[in-house]
C-alpha atoms as a PDB file:
ATOM      1  CA  MET A   1     155.235 125.052 139.552  1.00  0.00           C
ATOM      2  CA  LYS A   2     156.382 121.510 140.161  1.00  0.00           C
ATOM      3  CA  ASN A   3     158.844 119.396 138.276  1.00  0.00           C
ATOM      4  CA  PHE A   4     159.879 115.770 138.523  1.00  0.00           C
ATOM      5  CA  SER A   5     161.706 113.204 136.443  1.00  0.00           C
ATOM      6  CA  ILE A   6     160.660 109.763 135.171  1.00  0.00           C
ATOM      7  CA  ALA A   7     162.980 107.585 133.190  1.00  0.00           C
ATOM      8  CA  GLY A   8     165.180 110.516 132.282  1.00  0.00           C
ATOM      9  CA  LEU A   9     162.266 112.770 131.262  1.00  0.00           C
ATOM     10  CA  THR A  10     161.664 115.948 133.214  1.00  0.00           C
ATOM     11  CA  PHE A  11     157.984 117.073 133.640  1.00  0.00           C
ATOM     12  CA  LEU A  12     157.185 120.764 134.201  1.00  0.00           C
ATOM     13  CA  LEU A  13     153.665 121.313 135.566  1.00  0.00           C
ATOM     14  CA  PHE A  14     152.097 124.777 135.768  1.00  0.00           C
ATOM     15  CA  GLY A  15     148.853 125.361 137.625  1.00  0.00           C
ATOM     16  CA  LEU A  16     147.687 128.376 135.646  1.00  0.00           C
ATOM     17  CA  ALA A  17     145.143 127.995 132.877  1.00  0.00           C
ATOM     18  CA  GLY A  18     146.693 128.318 129.433  1.00  0.00           C
ATOM     19  CA  ASP A  19     150.202 127.250 130.535  1.00  0.00           C
ATOM     20  CA  VAL A  20     151.976 124.392 128.883  1.00  0.00           C
ATOM     21  CA  CYS A  21     153.067 120.954 130.095  1.00  0.00           C
ATOM     22  CA  SER A  22     156.227 119.938 128.322  1.00  0.00           C
ATOM     23  CA  THR A  23     157.977 116.594 128.184  1.00  0.00           C
ATOM     24  CA  SER A  24     161.469 117.037 126.834  1.00  0.00           C
ATOM     25  CA  PRO A  25     164.734 115.535 128.053  1.00  0.00           C
ATOM     26  CA  ASP A  26     166.243 118.959 128.826  1.00  0.00           C
ATOM     27  CA  ALA A  27     162.942 120.540 130.041  1.00  0.00           C
ATOM     28  CA  GLN A  28     163.794 123.786 128.324  1.00  0.00           C
ATOM     29  CA  GLU A  29     161.469 124.003 125.339  1.00  0.00           C
ATOM     30  CA  PRO A  30     158.058 122.310 124.705  1.00  0.00           C
ATOM     31  CA  LEU A  31     157.975 119.711 121.918  1.00  0.00           C
ATOM     32  CA  LEU A  32     154.645 121.121 120.536  1.00  0.00           C
ATOM     33  CA  PRO A  33     153.822 124.745 119.780  1.00  0.00           C
ATOM     34  CA  THR A  34     151.684 126.578 122.213  1.00  0.00           C
ATOM     35  CA  VAL A  35     148.150 127.430 121.067  1.00  0.00           C
ATOM     36  CA  HIS A  36     146.008 129.798 123.155  1.00  0.00           C
ATOM     37  CA  LYS A  37     142.226 129.625 122.547  1.00  0.00           C
ATOM     38  CA  ALA A  38     139.418 131.833 123.710  1.00  0.00           C
ATOM     39  CA  PRO A  39     135.708 131.158 123.661  1.00  0.00           C
ATOM     40  CA  THR A  40     133.868 132.553 120.631  1.00  0.00           C
ATOM     41  CA  ILE A  41     130.222 132.840 119.502  1.00  0.00           C
ATOM     42  CA  ARG A  42     129.140 131.692 116.053  1.00  0.00           C
ATOM     43  CA  SER A  43     125.657 132.588 114.674  1.00  0.00           C
ATOM     44  CA  SER A  44     123.737 131.525 111.599  1.00  0.00           C
ATOM     45  CA  ALA A  45     120.183 132.070 110.339  1.00  0.00           C
ATOM     46  CA  LEU A  46     117.571 129.431 111.199  1.00  0.00           C
ATOM     47  CA  PRO A  47     116.078 127.529 108.241  1.00  0.00           C
ATOM     48  CA  PRO A  48     112.524 128.553 107.274  1.00  0.00           C
ATOM     49  CA  ALA A  49     109.913 126.835 109.399  1.00  0.00           C
ATOM     50  CA  PRO A  50     108.389 123.959 107.416  1.00  0.00           C
ATOM     51  CA  VAL A  51     104.654 123.532 107.051  1.00  0.00           C
ATOM     52  CA  ALA A  52     103.675 120.586 109.170  1.00  0.00           C
ATOM     53  CA  ALA A  53     102.498 117.374 107.519  1.00  0.00           C
ATOM     54  CA  ILE A  54      98.901 116.315 107.989  1.00  0.00           C
ATOM     55  CA  SER A  55      98.534 112.675 108.930  1.00  0.00           C
ATOM     56  CA  SER A  56      95.842 110.309 107.761  1.00  0.00           C
ATOM     57  CA  ARG A  57      94.409 110.319 111.328  1.00  0.00           C
ATOM     58  CA  MET A  58      93.537 114.003 110.983  1.00  0.00           C
ATOM     59  CA  LEU A  59      92.001 113.285 107.588  1.00  0.00           C
ATOM     60  CA  ALA A  60      89.885 110.395 108.817  1.00  0.00           C
ATOM     61  CA  PRO A  61      86.590 112.303 108.366  1.00  0.00           C
ATOM     62  CA  LEU A  62      87.492 112.726 104.663  1.00  0.00           C
ATOM     63  CA  GLN A  63      87.438 108.990 103.866  1.00  0.00           C
ATOM     64  CA  ASN A  64      83.916 109.240 102.467  1.00  0.00           C
ATOM     65  CA  LEU A  65      84.617 112.187 100.183  1.00  0.00           C
ATOM     66  CA  PRO A  66      82.675 112.295  96.932  1.00  0.00           C
ATOM     67  CA  MET A  67      84.281 110.792  93.852  1.00  0.00           C
ATOM     68  CA  VAL A  68      84.260 112.077  90.311  1.00  0.00           C
ATOM     69  CA  ILE A  69      83.652 109.549  87.550  1.00  0.00           C
ATOM     70  CA  ASP A  70      83.056 110.019  83.870  1.00  0.00           C
ATOM     71  CA  ALA A  71      79.458 109.377  82.820  1.00  0.00           C
ATOM     72  CA  THR A  72      80.453 106.657  80.281  1.00  0.00           C
ATOM     73  CA  VAL A  73      82.400 104.742  82.949  1.00  0.00           C
ATOM     74  CA  LEU A  74      79.549 105.131  85.432  1.00  0.00           C
ATOM     75  CA  GLU A  75      76.964 103.928  82.931  1.00  0.00           C
ATOM     76  CA  SER A  76      78.863 100.699  82.284  1.00  0.00           C
ATOM     77  CA  ALA A  77      79.524  99.943  85.960  1.00  0.00           C
ATOM     78  CA  PRO A  78      77.667  97.040  87.677  1.00  0.00           C
ATOM     79  CA  ARG A  79      74.553  98.015  89.565  1.00  0.00           C
ATOM     80  CA  ILE A  80      72.240  96.630  92.274  1.00  0.00           C
ATOM     81  CA  VAL A  81      69.096  95.127  90.659  1.00  0.00           C
ATOM     82  CA  ALA A  82      67.547  93.310  93.622  1.00  0.00           C
ATOM     83  CA  ALA A  83      67.822  92.518  97.338  1.00  0.00           C
ATOM     84  CA  HIS A  84      67.260  89.060  98.797  1.00  0.00           C
ATOM     85  CA  GLU A  85      64.693  90.293 101.336  1.00  0.00           C
ATOM     86  CA  ARG A  86      63.110  92.751  98.888  1.00  0.00           C
ATOM     87  CA  ARG A  87      63.728  95.708 101.192  1.00  0.00           C
ATOM     88  CA  ALA A  88      63.691  99.214  99.853  1.00  0.00           C
ATOM     89  CA  TYR A  89      66.674 100.331 101.922  1.00  0.00           C
ATOM     90  CA  LEU A  90      69.699  98.131 102.642  1.00  0.00           C
ATOM     91  CA  ALA A  91      72.473  98.178 105.204  1.00  0.00           C
ATOM     92  CA  GLY A  92      75.565  96.247 106.235  1.00  0.00           C
ATOM     93  CA  GLY A  93      75.094  92.455 106.314  1.00  0.00           C
ATOM     94  CA  ASP A  94      72.352  92.434 103.665  1.00  0.00           C
ATOM     95  CA  LYS A  95      72.739  90.344 100.492  1.00  0.00           C
ATOM     96  CA  ILE A  96      72.119  91.878  97.098  1.00  0.00           C
ATOM     97  CA  VAL A  97      71.937  90.828  93.480  1.00  0.00           C
ATOM     98  CA  VAL A  98      74.200  92.752  91.102  1.00  0.00           C
ATOM     99  CA  GLN A  99      74.105  92.839  87.307  1.00  0.00           C
ATOM    100  CA  GLY A 100      77.057  93.752  85.159  1.00  0.00           C
ATOM    101  CA  GLU A 101      80.599  92.818  84.202  1.00  0.00           C
ATOM    102  CA  LEU A 102      82.928  92.444  87.192  1.00  0.00           C
ATOM    103  CA  ARG A 103      86.237  92.262  85.237  1.00  0.00           C
ATOM    104  CA  GLY A 104      87.869  90.011  87.789  1.00  0.00           C
ATOM    105  CA  ALA A 105      87.300  92.257  90.778  1.00  0.00           C
ATOM    106  CA  SER A 106      85.666  91.007  94.016  1.00  0.00           C
ATOM    107  CA  GLU A 107      85.766  94.045  96.293  1.00  0.00           C
ATOM    108  CA  PHE A 108      83.682  97.098  95.387  1.00  0.00           C
ATOM    109  CA  ARG A 109      82.562 100.466  96.607  1.00  0.00           C
ATOM    110  CA  LEU A 110      78.882 101.233  96.365  1.00  0.00           C
ATOM    111  CA  VAL A 111      78.230 104.683  94.972  1.00  0.00           C
ATOM    112  CA  ARG A 112      75.269 106.901  94.098  1.00  0.00           C
ATOM    113  CA  THR A 113      75.239 109.714  91.536  1.00  0.00           C
ATOM    114  CA  VAL A 114      74.797 113.109  93.163  1.00  0.00           C
ATOM    115  CA  ARG A 115      75.201 115.699  90.391  1.00  0.00           C
ATOM    116  CA  ARG A 116      76.717 116.488  87.035  1.00  0.00           C
ATOM    117  CA  LEU A 117      79.638 118.899  87.360  1.00  0.00           C
ATOM    118  CA  LEU A 118      80.073 121.695  84.846  1.00  0.00           C
ATOM    119  CA  ASP A 119      82.747 124.390  84.617  1.00  0.00           C
ATOM    120  CA  PRO A 120      81.093 127.621  85.810  1.00  0.00           C
ATOM    121  CA  VAL A 121      82.778 129.635  83.080  1.00  0.00           C
ATOM    122  CA  SER A 122      83.120 127.438  79.955  1.00  0.00           C
ATOM    123  CA  LYS A 123      80.203 125.107  80.889  1.00  0.00           C
ATOM    124  CA  ASP A 124      82.434 122.167  79.913  1.00  0.00           C
ATOM    125  CA  TYR A 125      81.544 118.823  81.418  1.00  0.00           C
ATOM    126  CA  LEU A 126      83.904 117.974  84.310  1.00  0.00           C
ATOM    127  CA  GLY A 127      82.460 114.602  85.417  1.00  0.00           C
ATOM    128  CA  ASP A 128      79.732 113.088  87.528  1.00  0.00           C
ATOM    129  CA  GLU A 129      80.002 113.520  91.302  1.00  0.00           C
ATOM    130  CA  VAL A 130      79.100 110.325  93.141  1.00  0.00           C
ATOM    131  CA  ALA A 131      78.750 109.726  96.880  1.00  0.00           C
ATOM    132  CA  PRO A 132      80.226 106.512  98.427  1.00  0.00           C
ATOM    133  CA  VAL A 133      77.394 104.775 100.285  1.00  0.00           C
ATOM    134  CA  GLY A 134      79.119 101.529 101.361  1.00  0.00           C
ATOM    135  CA  THR A 135      81.200  98.519 100.313  1.00  0.00           C
ATOM    136  CA  ALA A 136      80.374  95.101  99.083  1.00  0.00           C
ATOM    137  CA  THR A 137      82.208  91.795  98.480  1.00  0.00           C
ATOM    138  CA  LEU A 138      81.477  89.079  95.931  1.00  0.00           C
ATOM    139  CA  LEU A 139      79.799  85.919  97.245  1.00  0.00           C
ATOM    140  CA  GLU A 140      78.913  84.098  94.002  1.00  0.00           C
ATOM    141  CA  GLN A 141      79.608  84.916  90.352  1.00  0.00           C
ATOM    142  CA  THR A 142      77.323  83.451  87.689  1.00  0.00           C
ATOM    143  CA  SER A 143      77.515  83.078  83.931  1.00  0.00           C
ATOM    144  CA  ASP A 144      74.227  84.886  83.315  1.00  0.00           C
ATOM    145  CA  GLY A 145      75.590  88.222  84.574  1.00  0.00           C
ATOM    146  CA  LEU A 146      73.668  88.177  87.871  1.00  0.00           C
ATOM    147  CA  HIS A 147      75.936  87.968  90.867  1.00  0.00           C
ATOM    148  CA  ARG A 148      75.372  87.642  94.638  1.00  0.00           C
ATOM    149  CA  PHE A 149      77.116  90.174  96.892  1.00  0.00           C
ATOM    150  CA  LEU A 150      77.284  90.895 100.631  1.00  0.00           C
ATOM    151  CA  ILE A 151      77.157  94.477 101.863  1.00  0.00           C
ATOM    152  CA  THR A 152      80.122  94.674 104.210  1.00  0.00           C
ATOM    153  CA  ASP A 153      79.738  98.293 105.231  1.00  0.00           C
ATOM    154  CA  ALA A 154      77.192 101.142 104.850  1.00  0.00           C
ATOM    155  CA  ASN A 155      77.635 104.776 105.728  1.00  0.00           C
ATOM    156  CA  ARG A 156      74.131 105.687 104.487  1.00  0.00           C
ATOM    157  CA  GLU A 157      71.103 103.878 103.184  1.00  0.00           C
ATOM    158  CA  ILE A 158      71.744 101.733 100.055  1.00  0.00           C
ATOM    159  CA  THR A 159      69.080 101.185  97.419  1.00  0.00           C
ATOM    160  CA  VAL A 160      68.450  99.345  94.210  1.00  0.00           C
ATOM    161  CA  GLY A 161      70.133 101.210  91.355  1.00  0.00           C
ATOM    162  CA  ASP A 162      73.299 102.110  93.205  1.00  0.00           C
ATOM    163  CA  ARG A 163      76.507 101.394  91.239  1.00  0.00           C
ATOM    164  CA  LEU A 164      79.539  99.315  92.072  1.00  0.00           C
ATOM    165  CA  ILE A 165      83.096 100.644  91.498  1.00  0.00           C
ATOM    166  CA  ALA A 166      86.000  98.207  91.925  1.00  0.00           C
ATOM    167  CA  GLN A 167      88.364  98.987  94.789  1.00  0.00           C
ATOM    168  CA  PRO A 168      92.193  98.693  94.456  1.00  0.00           C
ATOM    169  CA  ARG A 169      93.464  95.277  95.497  1.00  0.00           C
ATOM    170  CA  GLU A 170      95.899  96.882  97.946  1.00  0.00           C
ATOM    171  CA  ALA A 171      94.907 100.173  99.463  1.00  0.00           C
ATOM    172  CA  PRO A 172      97.662 102.186 101.121  1.00  0.00           C
ATOM    173  CA  HIS A 173      97.860 101.703 104.901  1.00  0.00           C
ATOM    174  CA  SER A 174      98.656 105.369 105.575  1.00  0.00           C
ATOM    175  CA  ILE A 175      98.357 108.504 103.520  1.00  0.00           C
ATOM    176  CA  THR A 176     100.075 111.659 104.607  1.00  0.00           C
ATOM    177  CA  ILE A 177      99.349 114.962 102.899  1.00  0.00           C
ATOM    178  CA  VAL A 178     102.195 117.479 103.049  1.00  0.00           C
ATOM    179  CA  PRO A 179     100.955 121.034 102.388  1.00  0.00           C
ATOM    180  CA  TYR A 180     102.932 123.026  99.845  1.00  0.00           C
ATOM    181  CA  ARG A 181     102.798 126.423  98.150  1.00  0.00           C
ATOM    182  CA  SER A 182     102.529 126.569  94.381  1.00  0.00           C
ATOM    183  CA  PRO A 183     105.391 128.337  92.612  1.00  0.00           C
ATOM    184  CA  GLN A 184     103.011 128.979  89.707  1.00  0.00           C
ATOM    185  CA  ALA A 185      99.858 131.097  89.674  1.00  0.00           C
ATOM    186  CA  VAL A 186      96.591 129.105  90.118  1.00  0.00           C
ATOM    187  CA  ASP A 187      93.201 130.593  89.334  1.00  0.00           C
ATOM    188  CA  ALA A 188      90.238 128.284  90.058  1.00  0.00           C
ATOM    189  CA  LEU A 189      86.557 128.513  90.936  1.00  0.00           C
ATOM    190  CA  ILE A 190      84.447 126.572  93.420  1.00  0.00           C
ATOM    191  CA  VAL A 191      82.019 124.375  91.511  1.00  0.00           C
ATOM    192  CA  THR A 192      80.200 122.568  94.351  1.00  0.00           C
ATOM    193  CA  ILE A 193      80.062 122.059  98.111  1.00  0.00           C
ATOM    194  CA  ALA A 194      80.467 118.408  99.075  1.00  0.00           C
ATOM    195  CA  ASP A 195      77.428 118.156 101.338  1.00  0.00           C
ATOM    196  CA  GLY A 196      75.139 120.122  99.041  1.00  0.00           C
ATOM    197  CA  ALA A 197      74.938 123.157 101.358  1.00  0.00           C
ATOM    198  CA  GLY A 198      74.636 126.650  99.980  1.00  0.00           C
ATOM    199  CA  GLN A 199      77.693 127.930 101.865  1.00  0.00           C
ATOM    200  CA  ALA A 200      80.762 126.378 103.445  1.00  0.00           C
ATOM    201  CA  MET A 201      82.920 127.264 106.427  1.00  0.00           C
ATOM    202  CA  GLN A 202      85.938 125.833 108.209  1.00  0.00           C
ATOM    203  CA  HIS A 203      86.395 121.973 108.070  1.00  0.00           C
ATOM    204  CA  GLN A 204      83.947 121.664 105.176  1.00  0.00           C
ATOM    205  CA  VAL A 205      84.902 120.259 101.750  1.00  0.00           C
ATOM    206  CA  VAL A 206      84.444 122.053  98.381  1.00  0.00           C
ATOM    207  CA  ALA A 207      85.393 121.167  94.823  1.00  0.00           C
ATOM    208  CA  ILE A 208      87.241 123.404  92.291  1.00  0.00           C
ATOM    209  CA  ASN A 209      87.388 123.285  88.534  1.00  0.00           C
ATOM    210  CA  LYS A 210      91.107 122.327  88.319  1.00  0.00           C
ATOM    211  CA  GLY A 211      92.685 118.910  88.470  1.00  0.00           C
ATOM    212  CA  VAL A 212      95.541 116.707  87.344  1.00  0.00           C
ATOM    213  CA  ARG A 213      95.583 118.237  83.870  1.00  0.00           C
ATOM    214  CA  ASP A 214      96.135 121.663  85.500  1.00  0.00           C
ATOM    215  CA  HIS A 215      99.122 120.314  87.535  1.00  0.00           C
ATOM    216  CA  ILE A 216      97.150 120.342  90.792  1.00  0.00           C
ATOM    217  CA  ARG A 217      98.408 117.918  93.474  1.00  0.00           C
ATOM    218  CA  GLU A 218      97.305 116.864  96.969  1.00  0.00           C
ATOM    219  CA  GLY A 219      98.582 119.244  99.567  1.00  0.00           C
ATOM    220  CA  LEU A 220      98.346 122.438  97.506  1.00  0.00           C
ATOM    221  CA  LEU A 221      97.379 125.446  99.557  1.00  0.00           C
ATOM    222  CA  LEU A 222      95.036 127.991  97.963  1.00  0.00           C
ATOM    223  CA  SER A 223      93.580 131.223  99.152  1.00  0.00           C
ATOM    224  CA  LEU A 224      89.809 131.755  99.005  1.00  0.00           C
ATOM    225  CA  SER A 225      88.080 134.987  98.035  1.00  0.00           C
ATOM    226  CA  ALA A 226      84.553 136.025  97.139  1.00  0.00           C
ATOM    227  CA  ALA A 227      83.489 136.347  93.498  1.00  0.00           C
ATOM    228  CA  GLN A 228      83.540 140.075  92.694  1.00  0.00           C
ATOM    229  CA  THR A 229      80.267 141.606  91.636  1.00  0.00           C
ATOM    230  CA  ILE A 230      80.811 145.060  90.262  1.00  0.00           C
ATOM    231  CA  ARG A 231      78.109 147.379  88.969  1.00  0.00           C
ATOM    232  CA  GLN A 232      79.465 149.475  86.137  1.00  0.00           C
ATOM    233  CA  SER A 233      79.096 153.223  86.521  1.00  0.00           C
ATOM    234  CA  SER A 234      77.160 155.074  83.825  1.00  0.00           C
ATOM    235  CA  GLN A 235      79.864 157.754  83.855  1.00  0.00           C
ATOM    236  CA  THR A 236      82.690 155.496  82.713  1.00  0.00           C
ATOM    237  CA  SER A 237      83.122 152.655  80.272  1.00  0.00           C
ATOM    238  CA  SER A 238      85.949 150.961  82.256  1.00  0.00           C
ATOM    239  CA  ILE A 239      85.274 148.446  84.979  1.00  0.00           C
ATOM    240  CA  PRO A 240      87.567 148.810  88.026  1.00  0.00           C
ATOM    241  CA  THR A 241      89.586 145.837  89.235  1.00  0.00           C
ATOM    242  CA  LEU A 242      89.398 145.439  92.997  1.00  0.00           C
ATOM    243  CA  PRO A 243      92.215 143.761  94.980  1.00  0.00           C
ATOM    244  CA  GLU A 244      91.631 140.216  96.184  1.00  0.00           C
ATOM    245  CA  GLU A 245      90.473 139.977  99.794  1.00  0.00           C
ATOM    246  CA  PRO A 246      91.359 136.533 101.149  1.00  0.00           C
ATOM    247  CA  ARG A 247      88.607 135.040 103.275  1.00  0.00           C
ATOM    248  CA  GLY A 248      90.025 131.601 103.933  1.00  0.00           C
ATOM    249  CA  VAL A 249      92.509 128.856 103.073  1.00  0.00           C
ATOM    250  CA  LEU A 250      91.828 125.707 101.078  1.00  0.00           C
ATOM    251  CA  LEU A 251      93.974 122.484 101.327  1.00  0.00           C
ATOM    252  CA  ILE A 252      93.594 120.157  98.346  1.00  0.00           C
ATOM    253  CA  VAL A 253      93.015 116.659  99.594  1.00  0.00           C
ATOM    254  CA  ARG A 254      91.874 114.690  96.534  1.00  0.00           C
ATOM    255  CA  VAL A 255      92.564 115.256  92.850  1.00  0.00           C
ATOM    256  CA  TYR A 256      90.829 113.986  89.700  1.00  0.00           C
ATOM    257  CA  ASP A 257      91.489 114.769  86.083  1.00  0.00           C
ATOM    258  CA  ARG A 258      89.463 117.974  85.902  1.00  0.00           C
ATOM    259  CA  VAL A 259      88.220 118.423  89.444  1.00  0.00           C
ATOM    260  CA  SER A 260      89.866 118.635  92.885  1.00  0.00           C
ATOM    261  CA  TYR A 261      88.399 118.525  96.393  1.00  0.00           C
ATOM    262  CA  GLY A 262      89.754 120.700  99.146  1.00  0.00           C
ATOM    263  CA  LEU A 263      89.313 121.023 102.909  1.00  0.00           C
ATOM    264  CA  ILE A 264      88.716 124.588 104.174  1.00  0.00           C
ATOM    265  CA  THR A 265      91.319 124.945 106.937  1.00  0.00           C
ATOM    266  CA  GLN A 266      90.560 128.600 107.679  1.00  0.00           C
ATOM    267  CA  ALA A 267      87.481 130.698 106.957  1.00  0.00           C
ATOM    268  CA  ARG A 268      86.917 134.297 107.945  1.00  0.00           C
ATOM    269  CA  GLU A 269      83.619 134.391 106.041  1.00  0.00           C
ATOM    270  CA  PRO A 270      81.372 131.743 104.364  1.00  0.00           C
ATOM    271  CA  VAL A 271      82.352 130.690 100.847  1.00  0.00           C
ATOM    272  CA  GLN A 272      79.985 129.575  98.152  1.00  0.00           C
ATOM    273  CA  VAL A 273      79.827 128.196  94.581  1.00  0.00           C
ATOM    274  CA  GLY A 274      81.489 130.671  92.201  1.00  0.00           C
ATOM    275  CA  ASP A 275      84.039 132.004  94.725  1.00  0.00           C
ATOM    276  CA  LYS A 276      87.684 131.969  93.742  1.00  0.00           C
ATOM    277  CA  ALA A 277      90.461 129.614  94.932  1.00  0.00           C
ATOM    278  CA  TYR A 278      93.780 131.049  93.883  1.00  0.00           C
ATOM    279  CA  ALA A 279      97.529 131.118  94.469  1.00  0.00           C
ATOM    280  CA  PRO A 280      99.493 134.174  93.215  1.00  0.00           C
ATOM    281  CA  ARG A 281     102.972 133.498  92.001  1.00  0.00           C
ATOM    282  CA  GLN A 282     105.370 133.031  94.910  1.00  0.00           C
ATOM    283  CA  GLU A 283     102.553 133.303  97.418  1.00  0.00           C
ATOM    284  CA  ARG A 284     103.760 132.860 100.966  1.00  0.00           C
ATOM    285  CA  MET A 285     101.634 131.145 103.636  1.00  0.00           C
ATOM    286  CA  SER A 286     102.444 130.252 107.227  1.00  0.00           C
ATOM    287  CA  ALA A 287     102.082 126.945 108.986  1.00  0.00           C
ATOM    288  CA  LYS A 288      99.103 128.406 110.849  1.00  0.00           C
ATOM    289  CA  ASP A 289      97.045 128.184 107.598  1.00  0.00           C
ATOM    290  CA  VAL A 290      96.608 124.442 108.029  1.00  0.00           C
ATOM    291  CA  GLU A 291      96.009 124.332 111.766  1.00  0.00           C
END
């Protein structure tokens, strides 16, 4: 211990950890109370791991997903009636003649009807599925209803008869889909496979018979299971109910009024039209489901 005085104050210095340095005129008692502390460990539970967001870069292959349009809207949409060079198949850079009302729009998507979608159970009409085939911009608008357009992009061959659907004036620069689990039960059926194949596996797109009116949103995670085919026994009148056997995971990526499109992020077995896409109440999925 050392002590020394400065301006009438006596300092007592102790070299041991936990001792007190006091500055009092009489150097007998410390001015502040002594507090001894010891190291402690505090623990708390980690928050649940969030499901990672899926960026627009990962969803780039989905930019040419089919669209669902009501038949009445599609019937009144402008259509290609001629090409300047009279070719049967058109591509980017070609000029076309379009007939129909433009309603002030100048940028359009070119689409082609693929199939009429019906609910597999009720047989209700769900909409017409159309495939985007390219884009076009207005060159000259005339009063007689025939307008000149330039095809600015083509992802497949374009032909006379294809329809034009106006594009939004300002498309979002980036779209991020955040997967989520539904707190409510969802019971849907696959109505079509986007590329027309008979079966679908991982990274393929399918459509289900639920949409905005059923509170479906982009990012919803659903389990996939096979449609149950049960042969009734002749010895009993009751039909047994088998437990669901998940065979994959579906991520909803685009939603229309009565139809939604989803990307299969996991598939243990092929899925096909008529298979179920469901979410039991309080279903729990891990982040691995969307990897």
